N, C-alpha and C. Protein backbone atom coordinates (compact mmCIF):
# COMPACT_ATOMS: atom_id res chain seq x y z
N MET A 1 0.77 -1.36 0.10
CA MET A 1 0.12 0.05 -0.10
C MET A 1 0.75 1.17 -0.01
N THR A 2 2.12 1.28 0.61
CA THR A 2 2.89 2.41 0.50
C THR A 2 3.24 2.98 -1.02
N GLU A 3 3.19 1.96 -1.98
CA GLU A 3 3.30 2.32 -3.38
C GLU A 3 2.50 3.41 -3.86
N ASP A 4 1.26 3.35 -3.53
CA ASP A 4 0.25 4.05 -3.99
C ASP A 4 0.21 5.74 -3.67
N ARG A 5 1.00 5.73 -2.73
CA ARG A 5 0.97 7.23 -1.84
C ARG A 5 1.29 8.49 -2.71
N GLY A 6 0.31 9.45 -2.79
CA GLY A 6 0.68 10.48 -3.65
C GLY A 6 0.09 10.71 -5.11
N ARG A 7 -0.24 9.45 -5.46
CA ARG A 7 -0.76 9.73 -6.87
C ARG A 7 -2.23 10.11 -7.04
N VAL A 8 -2.61 10.01 -6.15
CA VAL A 8 -4.11 10.46 -6.06
C VAL A 8 -4.00 12.12 -6.11
N SER A 9 -3.06 12.53 -5.50
CA SER A 9 -2.99 13.95 -5.11
C SER A 9 -2.61 14.71 -6.55
N VAL A 10 -1.52 14.08 -7.17
CA VAL A 10 -0.79 14.67 -8.52
C VAL A 10 -2.01 14.39 -9.21
N PHE A 11 -2.99 13.34 -9.60
CA PHE A 11 -4.16 13.33 -10.42
C PHE A 11 -4.98 14.64 -10.11
N LEU A 12 -5.60 14.84 -8.79
CA LEU A 12 -6.33 15.84 -8.50
C LEU A 12 -5.79 17.17 -9.01
N ALA A 13 -4.52 17.38 -8.71
CA ALA A 13 -3.86 18.52 -8.91
C ALA A 13 -3.92 19.10 -10.33
N ILE A 14 -3.84 17.73 -11.43
CA ILE A 14 -3.89 18.26 -12.82
C ILE A 14 -5.44 18.16 -13.29
N ALA A 15 -6.24 17.41 -12.85
CA ALA A 15 -7.67 17.46 -13.02
C ALA A 15 -8.34 19.00 -12.60
N LEU A 16 -7.96 19.52 -11.31
CA LEU A 16 -8.29 20.55 -11.23
C LEU A 16 -7.79 21.82 -11.58
N ALA A 17 -6.51 21.82 -12.41
CA ALA A 17 -5.93 22.77 -13.16
C ALA A 17 -7.00 22.85 -14.57
N GLY A 18 -7.11 21.51 -14.91
CA GLY A 18 -8.12 21.41 -16.25
C GLY A 18 -9.37 22.02 -15.99
N VAL A 19 -10.24 21.81 -14.96
CA VAL A 19 -11.56 22.39 -14.68
C VAL A 19 -11.37 23.73 -14.14
N LEU A 20 -10.31 24.37 -13.74
CA LEU A 20 -10.16 25.57 -13.68
C LEU A 20 -10.31 26.51 -14.95
N ILE A 21 -9.56 25.83 -15.89
CA ILE A 21 -9.15 26.32 -17.09
C ILE A 21 -10.42 26.40 -17.98
N LEU A 22 -11.35 25.28 -17.62
CA LEU A 22 -12.42 24.97 -18.77
C LEU A 22 -13.88 26.02 -17.83
N ILE A 23 -13.87 26.24 -16.71
CA ILE A 23 -14.65 27.22 -16.09
C ILE A 23 -14.29 28.73 -16.40
N GLY A 24 -12.83 29.03 -16.65
CA GLY A 24 -12.47 30.31 -17.02
C GLY A 24 -12.84 30.21 -18.40
N MET A 25 -12.74 29.44 -19.60
CA MET A 25 -13.43 29.48 -20.78
C MET A 25 -14.91 29.70 -20.94
N VAL A 26 -15.29 29.23 -19.89
CA VAL A 26 -16.86 29.14 -20.03
C VAL A 26 -17.35 30.72 -19.61
N ALA A 27 -16.77 31.08 -18.42
CA ALA A 27 -16.94 32.34 -17.88
C ALA A 27 -16.47 33.65 -18.60
N ASP A 28 -15.34 33.48 -19.23
CA ASP A 28 -14.92 34.52 -19.98
C ASP A 28 -15.38 34.53 -21.53
N GLY A 29 -15.75 33.48 -21.93
CA GLY A 29 -16.32 33.08 -23.06
C GLY A 29 -18.00 34.10 -23.18
N GLY A 30 -18.48 33.83 -21.97
CA GLY A 30 -19.63 34.36 -21.98
C GLY A 30 -19.54 36.14 -21.83
N ALA A 31 -18.61 36.64 -21.15
CA ALA A 31 -18.22 37.86 -21.10
C ALA A 31 -18.03 38.73 -22.55
N ARG A 32 -17.19 37.38 -23.15
CA ARG A 32 -16.55 37.88 -24.63
C ARG A 32 -18.11 38.26 -25.44
N LEU A 33 -18.90 37.45 -25.29
CA LEU A 33 -20.27 37.30 -26.04
C LEU A 33 -20.89 38.76 -25.64
N ARG A 34 -21.04 38.92 -24.28
CA ARG A 34 -21.66 40.16 -24.07
C ARG A 34 -20.89 41.36 -24.21
N ALA A 35 -19.84 41.40 -24.52
CA ALA A 35 -18.69 42.88 -24.88
C ALA A 35 -19.14 42.75 -26.56
N MET A 36 -19.05 41.66 -27.11
CA MET A 36 -19.35 41.82 -28.64
C MET A 36 -20.70 42.31 -29.14
N GLN A 37 -21.92 41.77 -27.95
CA GLN A 37 -23.11 42.59 -28.40
C GLN A 37 -23.01 43.94 -27.89
N ARG A 38 -22.21 44.72 -26.93
CA ARG A 38 -22.27 45.84 -26.54
C ARG A 38 -21.71 46.68 -27.71
N ALA A 39 -20.50 46.02 -28.21
CA ALA A 39 -19.66 46.91 -29.39
C ALA A 39 -20.54 46.82 -30.46
N ASP A 40 -21.35 46.00 -31.04
CA ASP A 40 -22.39 46.13 -32.08
C ASP A 40 -23.46 47.00 -31.66
N ASN A 41 -23.78 47.01 -30.76
CA ASN A 41 -25.10 48.00 -30.28
C ASN A 41 -24.53 49.46 -30.42
N VAL A 42 -23.39 49.60 -29.58
CA VAL A 42 -22.71 51.04 -29.62
C VAL A 42 -22.86 51.61 -31.07
N ALA A 43 -22.18 50.66 -31.96
CA ALA A 43 -21.62 51.09 -33.29
C ALA A 43 -23.01 51.55 -34.00
N ALA A 44 -24.23 50.44 -33.75
CA ALA A 44 -25.48 50.69 -34.63
C ALA A 44 -25.80 52.08 -33.85
N GLU A 45 -26.01 52.26 -32.87
CA GLU A 45 -26.26 53.46 -32.26
C GLU A 45 -25.87 54.74 -32.85
N ALA A 46 -24.41 54.59 -32.75
CA ALA A 46 -23.53 55.58 -33.11
C ALA A 46 -23.81 56.03 -35.05
N ALA A 47 -24.05 55.16 -35.62
CA ALA A 47 -24.30 54.95 -37.07
C ALA A 47 -25.71 55.82 -37.13
N ARG A 48 -26.65 55.57 -36.45
CA ARG A 48 -27.80 55.88 -36.43
C ARG A 48 -27.83 57.54 -36.13
N ALA A 49 -26.92 57.95 -35.01
CA ALA A 49 -27.06 59.16 -34.61
C ALA A 49 -26.27 59.95 -36.23
N ALA A 50 -25.18 59.44 -36.48
CA ALA A 50 -24.68 60.08 -37.78
C ALA A 50 -25.67 60.30 -38.80
N GLY A 51 -26.49 59.15 -39.12
CA GLY A 51 -27.51 59.44 -40.29
C GLY A 51 -28.59 60.34 -39.87
N GLN A 52 -28.53 61.19 -38.84
CA GLN A 52 -29.27 62.43 -38.62
C GLN A 52 -28.53 63.66 -39.28
N GLY A 53 -27.39 63.51 -39.59
CA GLY A 53 -26.48 64.51 -40.13
C GLY A 53 -26.62 64.88 -41.67
N ILE A 54 -27.79 65.12 -41.68
CA ILE A 54 -28.13 65.27 -43.12
C ILE A 54 -27.92 67.13 -43.49
N ASP A 55 -27.33 67.09 -44.74
CA ASP A 55 -27.12 68.21 -45.30
C ASP A 55 -28.37 69.21 -45.71
N GLY A 56 -28.59 69.98 -44.90
CA GLY A 56 -29.70 70.86 -45.28
C GLY A 56 -29.92 71.80 -46.34
N THR A 57 -28.71 72.18 -46.82
CA THR A 57 -28.55 73.10 -47.75
C THR A 57 -29.14 72.44 -48.93
N THR A 58 -29.08 70.96 -49.12
CA THR A 58 -29.81 70.44 -50.58
C THR A 58 -31.21 69.79 -50.25
N ALA A 59 -31.16 69.30 -48.75
CA ALA A 59 -32.45 68.60 -48.64
C ALA A 59 -33.70 69.51 -48.39
N ILE A 60 -33.55 70.87 -47.71
CA ILE A 60 -34.50 71.51 -47.59
C ILE A 60 -35.30 71.96 -48.84
N PRO A 61 -34.39 72.62 -49.71
CA PRO A 61 -35.26 72.74 -50.90
C PRO A 61 -35.44 71.77 -51.85
N GLY A 62 -35.54 70.46 -51.41
CA GLY A 62 -35.97 69.38 -52.33
C GLY A 62 -35.09 68.87 -53.55
N LEU A 63 -33.58 69.20 -53.35
CA LEU A 63 -32.46 68.49 -53.98
C LEU A 63 -32.02 67.11 -53.41
N ASP A 64 -31.10 66.42 -53.92
CA ASP A 64 -30.54 65.22 -53.27
C ASP A 64 -30.34 65.47 -51.74
N LYS A 65 -30.93 64.19 -51.41
CA LYS A 65 -30.68 64.16 -49.72
C LYS A 65 -29.32 63.35 -49.48
N ARG A 66 -28.28 64.23 -48.89
CA ARG A 66 -27.19 63.61 -48.78
C ARG A 66 -26.68 64.06 -47.21
N LEU A 67 -25.77 63.24 -46.76
CA LEU A 67 -25.16 63.40 -45.69
C LEU A 67 -24.21 64.66 -45.57
N ASP A 68 -24.23 65.17 -44.26
CA ASP A 68 -23.21 66.20 -44.30
C ASP A 68 -22.05 65.73 -43.60
N PRO A 69 -20.73 65.40 -44.20
CA PRO A 69 -19.87 64.41 -43.76
C PRO A 69 -19.55 65.09 -42.20
N GLU A 70 -19.33 66.47 -41.92
CA GLU A 70 -18.85 67.01 -40.83
C GLU A 70 -19.95 66.81 -39.51
N LEU A 71 -21.10 66.76 -39.97
CA LEU A 71 -22.26 66.70 -39.07
C LEU A 71 -22.22 65.06 -38.66
N ALA A 72 -22.44 64.33 -39.70
CA ALA A 72 -22.29 63.03 -39.32
C ALA A 72 -21.62 62.51 -38.33
N VAL A 73 -20.20 62.94 -38.98
CA VAL A 73 -19.04 62.53 -38.01
C VAL A 73 -19.23 62.86 -36.80
N GLN A 74 -19.48 64.27 -36.33
CA GLN A 74 -19.41 65.18 -35.11
C GLN A 74 -20.78 64.10 -34.22
N ALA A 75 -21.86 63.93 -34.85
CA ALA A 75 -23.00 63.27 -34.19
C ALA A 75 -22.43 61.82 -33.80
N ALA A 76 -21.89 61.02 -34.72
CA ALA A 76 -21.31 59.73 -34.07
C ALA A 76 -20.20 59.76 -33.15
N GLN A 77 -19.40 61.02 -33.27
CA GLN A 77 -18.20 60.89 -32.22
C GLN A 77 -18.68 61.20 -30.84
N ARG A 78 -19.78 62.28 -31.01
CA ARG A 78 -20.47 62.48 -29.72
C ARG A 78 -21.14 61.38 -28.83
N TYR A 79 -21.96 60.43 -29.70
CA TYR A 79 -22.42 59.46 -28.98
C TYR A 79 -21.27 58.51 -28.55
N LEU A 80 -20.28 58.36 -29.27
CA LEU A 80 -19.31 57.11 -28.80
C LEU A 80 -18.59 57.89 -27.74
N ALA A 81 -18.35 59.35 -27.50
CA ALA A 81 -17.83 59.73 -26.43
C ALA A 81 -18.73 59.52 -24.94
N GLU A 82 -19.94 59.92 -25.17
CA GLU A 82 -20.89 59.71 -24.26
C GLU A 82 -20.93 58.12 -23.90
N ALA A 83 -20.71 57.11 -24.63
CA ALA A 83 -20.81 55.52 -24.14
C ALA A 83 -19.50 55.47 -23.65
N ASP A 84 -18.50 56.37 -23.80
CA ASP A 84 -17.18 55.80 -23.57
C ASP A 84 -16.55 54.66 -24.16
N VAL A 85 -16.53 54.86 -25.29
CA VAL A 85 -16.23 53.86 -26.38
C VAL A 85 -15.30 54.29 -27.50
N PRO A 86 -13.77 54.33 -27.76
CA PRO A 86 -13.37 54.72 -29.00
C PRO A 86 -13.69 53.79 -30.13
N GLY A 87 -13.76 54.60 -31.30
CA GLY A 87 -14.28 54.19 -32.37
C GLY A 87 -13.87 55.17 -33.75
N THR A 88 -14.15 54.56 -34.97
CA THR A 88 -13.89 55.27 -36.12
C THR A 88 -15.00 55.66 -36.77
N VAL A 89 -15.42 56.65 -37.22
CA VAL A 89 -16.63 57.16 -38.20
C VAL A 89 -15.91 57.48 -39.74
N THR A 90 -16.79 56.95 -40.58
CA THR A 90 -16.27 57.22 -41.85
C THR A 90 -17.68 57.26 -42.71
N VAL A 91 -17.80 58.19 -43.54
CA VAL A 91 -18.89 58.85 -44.26
C VAL A 91 -18.43 58.08 -45.93
N ASN A 92 -19.11 57.57 -46.59
CA ASN A 92 -18.77 57.06 -47.73
C ASN A 92 -18.83 58.18 -48.93
N ASP A 93 -18.13 58.00 -50.37
CA ASP A 93 -17.90 59.14 -51.15
C ASP A 93 -19.40 59.67 -51.54
N ASP A 94 -20.47 58.57 -51.90
CA ASP A 94 -21.82 59.53 -52.41
C ASP A 94 -22.49 59.98 -51.24
N LEU A 95 -21.77 60.11 -49.89
CA LEU A 95 -22.67 60.75 -48.91
C LEU A 95 -23.72 60.04 -48.60
N THR A 96 -24.17 58.91 -48.86
CA THR A 96 -25.08 57.97 -48.53
C THR A 96 -25.34 57.05 -47.26
N GLN A 97 -23.92 56.73 -47.09
CA GLN A 97 -23.60 55.82 -45.85
C GLN A 97 -22.54 56.30 -45.04
N VAL A 98 -22.99 55.78 -43.83
CA VAL A 98 -21.83 55.99 -42.88
C VAL A 98 -21.61 54.58 -42.18
N VAL A 99 -20.28 54.38 -41.70
CA VAL A 99 -19.84 53.16 -41.37
C VAL A 99 -19.21 53.30 -40.00
N VAL A 100 -19.32 52.66 -38.78
CA VAL A 100 -18.97 53.30 -37.13
C VAL A 100 -18.15 51.69 -37.17
N GLU A 101 -17.00 51.70 -36.54
CA GLU A 101 -16.24 50.56 -36.05
C GLU A 101 -15.89 51.07 -34.60
N VAL A 102 -16.14 50.24 -33.65
CA VAL A 102 -15.39 50.49 -32.24
C VAL A 102 -14.59 49.26 -31.99
N ARG A 103 -14.05 49.54 -30.68
CA ARG A 103 -13.09 48.48 -30.36
C ARG A 103 -13.50 48.56 -28.60
N LEU A 104 -13.87 47.37 -27.86
CA LEU A 104 -13.74 47.14 -26.69
C LEU A 104 -12.72 46.42 -26.14
N THR A 105 -12.19 46.76 -25.03
CA THR A 105 -11.16 45.92 -24.16
C THR A 105 -12.13 45.61 -22.97
N ARG A 106 -11.86 44.25 -22.50
CA ARG A 106 -12.51 43.89 -21.16
C ARG A 106 -11.29 42.88 -20.53
N PRO A 107 -11.36 43.07 -19.14
CA PRO A 107 -10.41 42.00 -18.41
C PRO A 107 -11.19 40.99 -18.43
N THR A 108 -10.48 39.82 -18.11
CA THR A 108 -11.16 38.43 -17.77
C THR A 108 -11.16 38.28 -16.44
N ALA A 109 -12.06 37.30 -16.10
CA ALA A 109 -12.24 36.87 -14.78
C ALA A 109 -11.25 35.73 -14.41
N MET A 110 -11.30 34.64 -15.16
CA MET A 110 -10.54 33.55 -14.64
C MET A 110 -9.33 33.26 -15.83
N LEU A 111 -9.33 33.75 -17.09
CA LEU A 111 -8.24 33.25 -18.11
C LEU A 111 -7.02 33.89 -17.58
N GLY A 112 -7.22 34.94 -16.68
CA GLY A 112 -5.89 35.45 -16.29
C GLY A 112 -4.79 34.50 -15.29
N LEU A 113 -5.43 33.50 -15.00
CA LEU A 113 -4.76 32.27 -14.53
C LEU A 113 -3.85 31.55 -15.47
N ILE A 114 -4.12 31.63 -16.70
CA ILE A 114 -3.22 31.22 -18.03
C ILE A 114 -2.41 32.38 -18.52
N GLY A 115 -2.62 33.42 -18.04
CA GLY A 115 -1.86 34.63 -18.47
C GLY A 115 -2.89 35.55 -19.70
N ILE A 116 -3.95 35.46 -20.14
CA ILE A 116 -4.81 36.12 -20.63
C ILE A 116 -5.55 37.01 -19.82
N ASP A 117 -5.17 38.17 -19.87
CA ASP A 117 -5.65 39.23 -18.62
C ASP A 117 -6.74 39.87 -19.63
N THR A 118 -6.81 40.24 -20.72
CA THR A 118 -8.08 41.02 -21.26
C THR A 118 -8.44 40.40 -22.85
N ILE A 119 -9.68 40.79 -23.26
CA ILE A 119 -10.09 40.51 -24.28
C ILE A 119 -10.48 41.52 -25.19
N GLN A 120 -10.44 41.37 -26.37
CA GLN A 120 -10.72 42.90 -27.26
C GLN A 120 -11.77 42.39 -28.41
N VAL A 121 -12.50 42.97 -28.32
CA VAL A 121 -13.58 42.62 -29.50
C VAL A 121 -14.01 44.14 -30.24
N THR A 122 -14.31 43.69 -31.51
CA THR A 122 -14.77 44.90 -32.21
C THR A 122 -16.33 44.91 -32.94
N GLY A 123 -17.11 45.97 -33.29
CA GLY A 123 -18.28 46.33 -33.51
C GLY A 123 -18.35 47.09 -34.77
N ARG A 124 -19.28 46.70 -35.53
CA ARG A 124 -19.38 47.39 -36.80
C ARG A 124 -20.68 47.66 -37.19
N ALA A 125 -21.09 48.85 -37.70
CA ALA A 125 -22.47 49.30 -38.25
C ALA A 125 -22.46 50.10 -39.49
N THR A 126 -23.25 49.95 -40.09
CA THR A 126 -23.49 50.69 -41.26
C THR A 126 -24.87 51.34 -41.27
N ALA A 127 -25.11 52.70 -41.53
CA ALA A 127 -26.35 53.61 -41.88
C ALA A 127 -26.35 53.90 -42.85
N VAL A 128 -27.72 53.72 -43.80
CA VAL A 128 -27.83 53.96 -44.96
C VAL A 128 -28.73 54.97 -44.97
N LEU A 129 -28.64 56.37 -45.78
CA LEU A 129 -29.57 57.43 -45.93
C LEU A 129 -30.85 56.93 -47.05
N VAL A 130 -31.94 56.62 -46.26
CA VAL A 130 -32.78 56.32 -47.49
C VAL A 130 -33.72 57.47 -47.78
N THR A 131 -33.86 57.31 -49.22
CA THR A 131 -34.15 58.38 -49.91
C THR A 131 -35.34 57.76 -50.97
N ASP A 132 -36.20 58.83 -51.51
CA ASP A 132 -37.30 58.40 -52.42
C ASP A 132 -36.60 57.46 -53.60
N GLU A 133 -35.26 58.35 -53.93
CA GLU A 133 -34.58 57.57 -55.11
C GLU A 133 -34.32 56.14 -54.82
N ASN A 134 -33.93 55.98 -53.56
CA ASN A 134 -33.35 54.40 -53.22
C ASN A 134 -34.26 53.59 -52.52
N GLN A 135 -35.42 54.10 -52.17
CA GLN A 135 -36.41 53.15 -51.40
C GLN A 135 -37.11 52.35 -52.43
N PRO A 136 -37.36 50.89 -51.79
CA PRO A 136 -37.95 49.99 -52.88
C PRO A 136 -39.45 50.65 -53.03
N ASN A 137 -40.19 49.97 -54.21
CA ASN A 137 -41.46 50.47 -54.43
C ASN A 137 -42.69 49.90 -53.39
N GLN A 138 -43.47 50.58 -53.20
CA GLN A 138 -44.37 49.99 -52.22
C GLN A 138 -45.81 49.88 -52.66
């Protein structure tokens, strides 16, 4: 019987380490999914805010409805600043679409045990200016 001493302890130590890593992956995986959802939501809301930056000098007299790039970028950046999320805002060349990309960094709960201290996620959203010209027939 003296030959078996300590073998269970080594097995338990190895198994416990594996279980902790598995728990960390599940817990931090859920946190990653929540962070991805938040990044997408913030990007979508910032894009919607940017979509309100319509060029009044052409829209009010009934000419082409286009985005004012400066107003659109300012509106999206203001939303991102209030949400405390860094991101970039781009208005396309024909002034009908705005793309917002954000990046979130979150600390991990359990994966720090194996050296993974943070997770980074990105979110992206596009808002398209809908006008009579590009609206489907009803």
